[in-house]
Amino acid sequence: KHIEEIATKLKELGFVERVEVSKKFPAQIEVTLSYDAHGNHKITDVKRISKPGRRMYVGTTDTHSVKNGLGARILSTPKGILSDREARKVRAGGENLFEIW
């Protein structure tokens, strides 16, 4: 469920074109990446921040933008999976999962 919410958030941000979840056991998620008009991937790079050995948390004031607003930071908050913009808007902090641009 957690991974499905992250994939849905990436679709809302425009990095992913389509997300499909199979209802069979074991559940599988099929993700189609988005491309720009020139045929290039919209995802240039991903930087994982929080890892199982070291969880990284940010407060409401520490959620700054990524690449001057061209990228996004994905947070796991008590209000669900949020991007950095949404977390600043609702003033929520949480686990800093990764940055994508």
N, C-alpha and C. Protein backbone atom coordinates (compact mmCIF):
# COMPACT_ATOMS: atom_id res chain seq x y z
N LYS A 1 0.83 -1.20 0.00
CA LYS A 1 0.00 0.00 0.00
C LYS A 1 0.87 1.26 0.00
N HIS A 2 1.97 1.22 0.75
CA HIS A 2 2.88 2.36 0.84
C HIS A 2 3.51 2.66 -0.52
N ILE A 3 3.97 1.64 -1.21
CA ILE A 3 4.60 1.81 -2.52
C ILE A 3 3.57 2.28 -3.55
N GLU A 4 2.35 1.79 -3.44
CA GLU A 4 1.29 2.23 -4.35
C GLU A 4 1.01 3.72 -4.17
N GLU A 5 1.01 4.21 -2.93
CA GLU A 5 0.78 5.63 -2.68
C GLU A 5 1.92 6.48 -3.23
N ILE A 6 3.16 6.00 -3.12
CA ILE A 6 4.31 6.72 -3.68
C ILE A 6 4.19 6.80 -5.19
N ALA A 7 3.83 5.69 -5.85
CA ALA A 7 3.68 5.69 -7.30
C ALA A 7 2.55 6.63 -7.73
N THR A 8 1.47 6.68 -6.99
CA THR A 8 0.37 7.59 -7.30
C THR A 8 0.80 9.04 -7.15
N LYS A 9 1.61 9.33 -6.13
CA LYS A 9 2.11 10.70 -5.93
C LYS A 9 3.03 11.10 -7.08
N LEU A 10 3.86 10.18 -7.57
CA LEU A 10 4.73 10.48 -8.71
C LEU A 10 3.92 10.73 -9.97
N LYS A 11 2.76 10.05 -10.08
CA LYS A 11 1.87 10.30 -11.21
C LYS A 11 1.28 11.71 -11.12
N GLU A 12 0.87 12.12 -9.92
CA GLU A 12 0.33 13.47 -9.72
C GLU A 12 1.36 14.54 -10.05
N LEU A 13 2.64 14.26 -9.75
CA LEU A 13 3.71 15.22 -10.00
C LEU A 13 4.15 15.24 -11.46
N GLY A 14 3.73 14.24 -12.26
CA GLY A 14 4.03 14.23 -13.68
C GLY A 14 5.26 13.42 -14.07
N PHE A 15 5.89 12.72 -13.13
CA PHE A 15 7.06 11.91 -13.44
C PHE A 15 6.68 10.55 -14.01
N VAL A 16 5.46 10.11 -13.71
CA VAL A 16 4.96 8.81 -14.15
C VAL A 16 3.67 9.05 -14.92
N GLU A 17 3.51 8.32 -16.02
CA GLU A 17 2.32 8.49 -16.85
C GLU A 17 1.14 7.65 -16.38
N ARG A 18 1.42 6.40 -15.98
CA ARG A 18 0.33 5.48 -15.65
C ARG A 18 0.77 4.54 -14.53
N VAL A 19 -0.15 4.25 -13.61
CA VAL A 19 0.08 3.31 -12.51
C VAL A 19 -1.06 2.32 -12.50
N GLU A 20 -0.73 1.03 -12.59
CA GLU A 20 -1.75 -0.02 -12.53
C GLU A 20 -1.37 -1.02 -11.45
N VAL A 21 -2.33 -1.37 -10.63
CA VAL A 21 -2.11 -2.33 -9.55
C VAL A 21 -2.96 -3.56 -9.82
N SER A 22 -2.31 -4.74 -9.84
CA SER A 22 -3.07 -5.97 -10.07
C SER A 22 -3.73 -6.39 -8.76
N LYS A 23 -4.90 -6.96 -8.86
CA LYS A 23 -5.65 -7.39 -7.69
C LYS A 23 -5.36 -8.84 -7.32
N LYS A 24 -4.59 -9.54 -8.15
CA LYS A 24 -4.25 -10.93 -7.87
C LYS A 24 -3.17 -11.01 -6.79
N PHE A 25 -3.01 -12.19 -6.22
CA PHE A 25 -1.95 -12.41 -5.25
C PHE A 25 -0.79 -13.07 -5.96
N PRO A 26 0.41 -12.67 -5.83
CA PRO A 26 0.90 -11.48 -5.13
C PRO A 26 0.64 -10.23 -5.97
N ALA A 27 0.32 -9.15 -5.31
CA ALA A 27 -0.01 -7.89 -6.00
C ALA A 27 1.23 -7.35 -6.70
N GLN A 28 1.02 -6.82 -7.91
CA GLN A 28 2.11 -6.24 -8.68
C GLN A 28 1.69 -4.84 -9.13
N ILE A 29 2.67 -3.94 -9.18
CA ILE A 29 2.42 -2.58 -9.62
C ILE A 29 3.15 -2.38 -10.95
N GLU A 30 2.40 -1.95 -11.96
CA GLU A 30 2.99 -1.67 -13.26
C GLU A 30 2.99 -0.15 -13.45
N VAL A 31 4.19 0.40 -13.68
CA VAL A 31 4.37 1.84 -13.78
C VAL A 31 4.93 2.16 -15.17
N THR A 32 4.33 3.16 -15.85
CA THR A 32 4.81 3.63 -17.14
C THR A 32 5.40 5.03 -16.94
N LEU A 33 6.67 5.20 -17.35
CA LEU A 33 7.34 6.48 -17.17
C LEU A 33 6.83 7.51 -18.17
N SER A 34 6.96 8.79 -17.80
CA SER A 34 6.56 9.89 -18.69
C SER A 34 7.76 10.35 -19.50
N TYR A 35 7.49 10.83 -20.70
CA TYR A 35 8.52 11.36 -21.59
C TYR A 35 8.12 12.76 -22.02
N ASP A 36 9.13 13.58 -22.34
CA ASP A 36 8.83 14.92 -22.83
C ASP A 36 8.62 14.89 -24.34
N ALA A 37 8.49 16.05 -24.98
CA ALA A 37 8.20 16.13 -26.41
C ALA A 37 9.34 15.60 -27.27
N HIS A 38 10.57 15.60 -26.72
CA HIS A 38 11.74 15.14 -27.48
C HIS A 38 12.02 13.65 -27.25
N GLY A 39 11.22 12.99 -26.45
CA GLY A 39 11.39 11.57 -26.19
C GLY A 39 12.33 11.26 -25.04
N ASN A 40 12.70 12.25 -24.25
CA ASN A 40 13.58 12.04 -23.10
C ASN A 40 12.75 11.75 -21.85
N HIS A 41 13.33 10.96 -20.94
CA HIS A 41 12.65 10.68 -19.67
C HIS A 41 12.46 11.97 -18.89
N LYS A 42 11.33 12.09 -18.19
CA LYS A 42 11.13 13.24 -17.31
C LYS A 42 11.89 13.07 -16.01
N ILE A 43 12.25 11.84 -15.66
CA ILE A 43 13.05 11.58 -14.47
C ILE A 43 14.52 11.62 -14.89
N THR A 44 15.24 12.61 -14.35
CA THR A 44 16.67 12.72 -14.64
C THR A 44 17.49 11.95 -13.61
N ASP A 45 17.14 12.10 -12.34
CA ASP A 45 17.88 11.44 -11.28
C ASP A 45 17.01 11.29 -10.04
N VAL A 46 17.36 10.33 -9.21
CA VAL A 46 16.67 10.10 -7.95
C VAL A 46 17.74 9.93 -6.87
N LYS A 47 17.56 10.61 -5.75
CA LYS A 47 18.50 10.51 -4.64
C LYS A 47 17.75 10.01 -3.42
N ARG A 48 18.09 8.81 -2.97
CA ARG A 48 17.44 8.24 -1.79
C ARG A 48 18.04 8.87 -0.54
N ILE A 49 17.19 9.36 0.33
CA ILE A 49 17.64 10.05 1.54
C ILE A 49 17.55 9.13 2.75
N SER A 50 16.36 8.65 3.07
CA SER A 50 16.15 7.81 4.23
C SER A 50 16.39 6.36 3.83
N LYS A 51 17.17 5.66 4.65
CA LYS A 51 17.50 4.26 4.37
C LYS A 51 17.13 3.43 5.60
N PRO A 52 17.01 2.11 5.45
CA PRO A 52 16.65 1.29 6.62
C PRO A 52 17.65 1.42 7.78
N GLY A 53 18.91 1.63 7.48
CA GLY A 53 19.91 1.76 8.54
C GLY A 53 19.94 3.13 9.17
N ARG A 54 19.42 4.12 8.48
CA ARG A 54 19.41 5.49 9.01
C ARG A 54 18.20 6.24 8.49
N ARG A 55 17.20 6.39 9.32
CA ARG A 55 15.99 7.11 8.95
C ARG A 55 16.25 8.60 9.11
N MET A 56 15.86 9.39 8.10
CA MET A 56 16.05 10.84 8.13
C MET A 56 14.69 11.51 8.21
N TYR A 57 14.51 12.34 9.21
CA TYR A 57 13.25 13.04 9.42
C TYR A 57 13.46 14.54 9.26
N VAL A 58 12.46 15.24 8.77
CA VAL A 58 12.52 16.69 8.63
C VAL A 58 11.29 17.29 9.31
N GLY A 59 11.50 18.49 9.84
CA GLY A 59 10.39 19.21 10.45
C GLY A 59 9.66 20.03 9.40
N THR A 60 8.68 20.77 9.85
CA THR A 60 7.87 21.55 8.91
C THR A 60 8.66 22.67 8.28
N THR A 61 9.66 23.21 8.97
CA THR A 61 10.43 24.33 8.41
C THR A 61 11.61 23.88 7.56
N ASP A 62 11.95 22.59 7.58
CA ASP A 62 13.12 22.09 6.85
C ASP A 62 12.79 21.50 5.49
N THR A 63 11.56 21.57 5.05
CA THR A 63 11.18 20.98 3.77
C THR A 63 11.37 22.00 2.66
N HIS A 64 12.63 22.18 2.24
CA HIS A 64 12.93 23.14 1.18
C HIS A 64 12.77 22.50 -0.20
N SER A 65 12.73 23.31 -1.23
CA SER A 65 12.48 22.81 -2.59
C SER A 65 13.73 22.13 -3.15
N VAL A 66 13.54 21.33 -4.18
CA VAL A 66 14.61 20.58 -4.82
C VAL A 66 14.85 21.17 -6.20
N LYS A 67 16.10 21.48 -6.51
CA LYS A 67 16.50 22.01 -7.83
C LYS A 67 15.67 23.23 -8.21
N ASN A 68 15.50 24.14 -7.26
CA ASN A 68 14.76 25.39 -7.47
C ASN A 68 13.33 25.15 -7.97
N GLY A 69 12.70 24.11 -7.47
CA GLY A 69 11.31 23.83 -7.81
C GLY A 69 11.13 22.90 -9.00
N LEU A 70 12.21 22.51 -9.69
CA LEU A 70 12.09 21.60 -10.83
C LEU A 70 11.92 20.15 -10.38
N GLY A 71 12.38 19.85 -9.18
CA GLY A 71 12.27 18.51 -8.64
C GLY A 71 11.27 18.46 -7.51
N ALA A 72 11.25 17.32 -6.83
CA ALA A 72 10.32 17.16 -5.71
C ALA A 72 10.98 16.29 -4.65
N ARG A 73 10.61 16.54 -3.41
CA ARG A 73 11.04 15.73 -2.28
C ARG A 73 9.79 15.00 -1.80
N ILE A 74 9.87 13.70 -1.63
CA ILE A 74 8.73 12.89 -1.21
C ILE A 74 8.89 12.58 0.28
N LEU A 75 7.85 12.90 1.04
CA LEU A 75 7.86 12.71 2.48
C LEU A 75 6.75 11.76 2.90
N SER A 76 7.03 10.95 3.92
CA SER A 76 6.01 10.12 4.54
C SER A 76 5.62 10.81 5.84
N THR A 77 4.42 11.38 5.87
CA THR A 77 3.97 12.17 7.01
C THR A 77 2.77 11.49 7.66
N PRO A 78 2.36 11.98 8.83
CA PRO A 78 1.13 11.45 9.43
C PRO A 78 -0.11 11.72 8.57
N LYS A 79 -0.02 12.65 7.65
CA LYS A 79 -1.13 12.96 6.75
C LYS A 79 -1.03 12.20 5.43
N GLY A 80 -0.11 11.24 5.33
CA GLY A 80 0.06 10.44 4.13
C GLY A 80 1.34 10.80 3.40
N ILE A 81 1.49 10.28 2.18
CA ILE A 81 2.64 10.58 1.33
C ILE A 81 2.42 11.95 0.70
N LEU A 82 3.36 12.87 0.94
CA LEU A 82 3.23 14.23 0.43
C LEU A 82 4.50 14.66 -0.27
N SER A 83 4.36 15.59 -1.23
CA SER A 83 5.54 16.22 -1.83
C SER A 83 5.97 17.36 -0.93
N ASP A 84 7.13 17.95 -1.21
CA ASP A 84 7.62 19.03 -0.36
C ASP A 84 6.70 20.24 -0.39
N ARG A 85 6.11 20.55 -1.54
CA ARG A 85 5.19 21.68 -1.64
C ARG A 85 3.94 21.46 -0.79
N GLU A 86 3.38 20.26 -0.89
CA GLU A 86 2.18 19.95 -0.12
C GLU A 86 2.46 19.95 1.38
N ALA A 87 3.64 19.44 1.77
CA ALA A 87 4.00 19.40 3.18
C ALA A 87 4.16 20.81 3.75
N ARG A 88 4.72 21.73 2.97
CA ARG A 88 4.84 23.12 3.43
C ARG A 88 3.46 23.75 3.54
N LYS A 89 2.57 23.42 2.62
CA LYS A 89 1.23 24.01 2.62
C LYS A 89 0.43 23.57 3.85
N VAL A 90 0.49 22.29 4.19
CA VAL A 90 -0.27 21.79 5.34
C VAL A 90 0.55 21.78 6.63
N ARG A 91 1.80 22.28 6.54
CA ARG A 91 2.72 22.37 7.68
C ARG A 91 2.90 21.02 8.38
N ALA A 92 3.38 20.04 7.58
CA ALA A 92 3.60 18.71 8.11
C ALA A 92 5.05 18.30 7.86
N GLY A 93 5.66 17.66 8.83
CA GLY A 93 6.99 17.09 8.68
C GLY A 93 6.87 15.58 8.70
N GLY A 94 7.98 14.92 8.44
CA GLY A 94 7.93 13.46 8.46
C GLY A 94 9.22 12.87 7.95
N GLU A 95 9.17 11.61 7.54
CA GLU A 95 10.35 10.92 7.04
C GLU A 95 10.64 11.36 5.61
N ASN A 96 11.87 11.79 5.39
CA ASN A 96 12.33 12.26 4.09
C ASN A 96 12.74 11.04 3.26
N LEU A 97 11.88 10.57 2.36
CA LEU A 97 12.14 9.34 1.63
C LEU A 97 13.17 9.51 0.53
N PHE A 98 12.89 10.40 -0.45
CA PHE A 98 13.82 10.61 -1.56
C PHE A 98 13.53 11.91 -2.26
N GLU A 99 14.51 12.31 -3.09
CA GLU A 99 14.37 13.48 -3.97
C GLU A 99 14.36 12.98 -5.40
N ILE A 100 13.57 13.61 -6.24
CA ILE A 100 13.48 13.22 -7.65
C ILE A 100 13.45 14.47 -8.50
N TRP A 101 14.18 14.46 -9.60
CA TRP A 101 14.17 15.59 -10.52
C TRP A 101 14.43 15.12 -11.92
